[in-house]
Protein backbone atom coordinates (compact mmCIF):
# COMPACT_ATOMS: atom_id res chain seq x y z
CA UNK A 1 0.00 0.00 0.00
CA UNK A 2 2.98 2.33 0.50
CA UNK A 3 6.47 2.83 -0.85
CA UNK A 4 7.45 4.73 2.30
CA UNK A 5 10.11 3.10 4.47
CA UNK A 6 9.27 3.59 8.14
CA UNK A 7 11.80 1.14 9.60
CA UNK A 8 12.77 2.23 13.08
CA UNK A 9 9.70 4.43 13.55
CA UNK A 10 7.41 3.69 16.51
CA UNK A 11 3.71 4.52 16.69
CA UNK A 12 1.36 4.21 19.66
CA UNK A 13 -2.38 3.85 19.02
CA UNK A 14 -4.72 4.43 21.98
CA UNK A 15 -8.26 3.01 22.17
CA UNK A 16 -10.87 1.53 24.47
CA UNK A 17 -11.76 -2.14 24.31
CA UNK A 18 -15.13 -1.53 22.68
CA UNK A 19 -16.40 0.82 20.02
CA UNK A 20 -13.39 1.93 18.01
CA UNK A 21 -14.27 2.35 14.34
CA UNK A 22 -12.72 -0.73 12.69
CA UNK A 23 -11.10 0.92 9.67
CA UNK A 24 -9.76 3.86 11.68
CA UNK A 25 -7.69 1.41 13.76
CA UNK A 26 -7.08 -1.59 11.51
CA UNK A 27 -6.23 0.22 8.26
CA UNK A 28 -3.62 2.62 9.74
CA UNK A 29 -2.04 -0.12 11.87
CA UNK A 30 -1.68 -2.48 8.90
CA UNK A 31 -0.46 0.33 6.64
CA UNK A 32 2.20 1.50 9.09
CA UNK A 33 3.37 -2.02 9.88
CA UNK A 34 3.58 -2.84 6.16
CA UNK A 35 5.82 0.23 5.78
CA UNK A 36 8.14 -1.10 8.50
CA UNK A 37 6.96 0.87 11.54
CA UNK A 38 6.47 -0.76 14.91
CA UNK A 39 2.91 -0.08 16.03
CA UNK A 40 1.68 -0.81 19.53
CA UNK A 41 -1.99 -0.66 20.41
CA UNK A 42 -2.73 0.39 24.00
CA UNK A 43 -6.25 -0.22 25.30
CA UNK A 44 -7.92 0.21 28.68
CA UNK A 45 -7.22 -3.48 29.38
CA UNK A 46 -5.38 -6.25 27.57
CA UNK A 47 -8.67 -7.94 26.68
CA UNK A 48 -9.53 -8.12 22.98
CA UNK A 49 -10.68 -4.89 21.34
CA UNK A 50 -14.13 -5.22 19.78
CA UNK A 51 -14.27 -2.83 16.83
CA UNK A 52 -17.43 -1.56 15.21
CA UNK A 53 -18.30 -0.60 11.65
CA UNK A 54 -20.38 2.55 11.40
CA UNK A 55 -20.69 2.72 15.20
CA UNK A 56 -23.12 -0.20 15.20
CA UNK A 57 -22.12 -3.34 13.31
CA UNK A 58 -19.57 -5.76 14.82
CA UNK A 59 -16.12 -5.51 13.27
CA UNK A 60 -12.83 -7.35 13.67
CA UNK A 61 -11.45 -8.21 17.07
CA UNK A 62 -7.97 -6.83 17.65
CA UNK A 63 -5.54 -7.83 20.38
CA UNK A 64 -3.93 -4.87 22.13
CA UNK A 65 -0.17 -4.87 22.69
CA UNK A 66 -0.49 -3.44 26.19
CA UNK A 67 -2.77 -1.48 28.50
CA UNK A 68 -2.94 2.31 28.62
CA UNK A 69 -1.52 2.17 32.14
CA UNK A 70 1.54 0.25 30.91
CA UNK A 71 2.21 2.44 27.85
CA UNK A 72 5.32 4.62 28.04
CA UNK A 73 4.64 7.43 25.56
CA UNK A 74 8.30 8.51 25.59
CA UNK A 75 9.22 5.53 23.41
CA UNK A 76 7.12 6.56 20.40
CA UNK A 77 7.44 8.93 17.46
CA UNK A 78 3.72 9.49 16.79
CA UNK A 79 0.42 9.04 18.62
CA UNK A 80 -2.55 7.65 16.67
CA UNK A 81 -6.04 8.36 18.04
CA UNK A 82 -8.74 6.51 16.07
CA UNK A 83 -12.38 7.46 16.36
CA UNK A 84 -15.65 5.71 16.72
CA UNK A 85 -18.17 7.62 18.80
CA UNK A 86 -18.26 5.14 21.70
CA UNK A 87 -14.50 4.70 21.71
CA UNK A 88 -13.67 8.41 21.67
CA UNK A 89 -16.28 9.39 24.23
CA UNK A 90 -15.10 6.69 26.65
CA UNK A 91 -11.39 7.20 25.94
CA UNK A 92 -11.50 10.86 26.93
CA UNK A 93 -12.56 9.77 30.43
CA UNK A 94 -9.44 7.62 30.88
CA UNK A 95 -6.75 9.43 32.89
CA UNK A 96 -3.99 7.25 31.42
CA UNK A 97 -5.06 8.16 27.87
CA UNK A 98 -5.24 11.86 28.70
CA UNK A 99 -1.75 11.74 30.19
CA UNK A 100 -0.42 10.05 27.04
CA UNK A 101 -1.88 12.84 24.88
CA UNK A 102 -0.44 15.52 27.19
CA UNK A 103 2.99 13.86 27.07
CA UNK A 104 3.00 13.90 23.26
CA UNK A 105 1.79 17.48 22.88
CA UNK A 106 4.07 18.91 25.58
CA UNK A 107 7.11 17.18 24.07
CA UNK A 108 6.40 18.44 20.56
CA UNK A 109 5.77 15.02 19.04
CA UNK A 110 3.02 14.55 16.45
CA UNK A 111 -0.52 13.37 17.12
CA UNK A 112 -2.79 11.98 14.38
CA UNK A 113 -6.51 11.83 15.20
CA UNK A 114 -9.40 10.88 12.95
CA UNK A 115 -13.18 11.23 13.12
CA UNK A 116 -14.18 11.47 16.81
CA UNK A 117 -10.55 11.02 17.94
CA UNK A 118 -10.01 14.80 18.28
CA UNK A 119 -12.24 14.70 21.37
CA UNK A 120 -9.04 13.63 23.17
CA UNK A 121 -7.39 16.90 22.09
CA UNK A 122 -10.43 18.91 23.21
CA UNK A 123 -10.36 17.18 26.60
CA UNK A 124 -6.69 18.00 27.16
CA UNK A 125 -6.95 21.59 25.92
CA UNK A 126 -4.64 20.85 23.00
CA UNK A 127 -6.94 22.24 20.30
CA UNK A 128 -6.43 25.84 21.45
CA UNK A 129 -4.86 27.77 18.56
CA UNK A 130 -4.99 24.75 16.23
CA UNK A 131 -6.82 24.37 12.93
CA UNK A 132 -8.22 20.89 12.54
CA UNK A 133 -10.95 18.75 11.10
CA UNK A 134 -12.98 15.90 12.55
CA UNK A 135 -16.35 14.27 12.29
CA UNK A 136 -18.68 17.26 11.80
CA UNK A 137 -20.48 16.84 15.14
CA UNK A 138 -17.28 17.83 17.01
CA UNK A 139 -17.13 21.26 15.39
CA UNK A 140 -18.74 23.14 18.29
CA UNK A 141 -16.62 21.30 20.89
CA UNK A 142 -13.44 22.15 18.98
CA UNK A 143 -14.40 25.79 18.54
CA UNK A 144 -15.45 26.11 22.21
CA UNK A 145 -12.02 24.72 23.15
CA UNK A 146 -10.23 27.42 21.14
CA UNK A 147 -9.61 25.55 17.90
CA UNK A 148 -10.63 26.40 14.35
CA UNK A 149 -12.64 23.69 12.60
CA UNK A 150 -12.53 23.20 8.82
CA UNK A 151 -14.30 20.70 6.58
CA UNK A 152 -11.38 19.13 4.67
CA UNK A 153 -10.21 15.53 4.18
CA UNK A 154 -6.99 16.15 6.13
CA UNK A 155 -5.41 19.01 8.04
CA UNK A 156 -1.78 19.13 9.21
CA UNK A 157 -1.25 21.99 11.68
CA UNK A 158 2.12 22.80 13.30
CA UNK A 159 0.92 25.69 15.51
CA UNK A 160 2.29 25.48 19.03
CA UNK A 161 5.47 23.64 17.99
CA UNK A 162 3.83 20.24 17.53
CA UNK A 163 2.11 18.64 14.56
CA UNK A 164 -1.56 17.68 14.69
CA UNK A 165 -2.84 15.63 11.76
CA UNK A 166 -6.63 15.25 11.59
CA UNK A 167 -9.19 13.74 9.22
CA UNK A 168 -12.97 13.53 9.16
CA UNK A 169 -13.86 9.86 8.74
CA UNK A 170 -12.79 6.52 7.20
CA UNK A 171 -13.37 7.94 3.72
CA UNK A 172 -10.36 10.20 4.31
CA UNK A 173 -7.92 7.45 5.32
CA UNK A 174 -5.78 7.72 2.17
CA UNK A 175 -5.12 11.44 2.80
CA UNK A 176 -4.69 10.84 6.55
CA UNK A 177 -2.11 8.09 6.00
CA UNK A 178 -0.25 10.16 3.40
CA UNK A 179 0.29 12.92 5.99
CA UNK A 180 1.35 10.43 8.67
CA UNK A 181 3.83 8.82 6.25
CA UNK A 182 5.21 12.23 5.30
CA UNK A 183 5.81 13.10 8.94
CA UNK A 184 7.36 9.78 9.94
CA UNK A 185 9.59 9.59 6.85
CA UNK A 186 10.53 13.29 6.82
CA UNK A 187 13.35 15.18 8.57
CA UNK A 188 11.63 15.15 11.98
CA UNK A 189 10.80 11.50 11.47
CA UNK A 190 14.27 10.25 10.52
């Protein structure tokens, strides 16, 4: 799927154990691993992750690599925050997940969030001064948190000395993954 060589790059994906949108987790993880990156999936527990398709239909089960509590964000180059309404709404109530996001943003490392995933950035205050996109229903939350919302397939914003890559939904995955590849393979990702 990609000609990008991401050998040596490390990505951490954070999710709950139920409700993550299947393609927003599975497609990026497979894509990044196929390009040579090491991708760990941290969930609330080490039980299987039950994905959903369209927030309602059962999707693939995915085994997490570790729990959120055991994840050391310092060992990763990029944070991936998939969506899914149930996943994102529950994830933003997890202190361990919030601390992971804060660690990435305060250290200047990139965060890539899709669909409802930007709720994590709203919850941590990281959208202030950023331009981003998301599932349309998050627009008011993002704007109330000091961000600027736009309706585009992908937005890469470096305001505040850290990169935030956002996309609207699974239909934008190609653009979303292109921006992630560019960051991980580029000068700051080498």
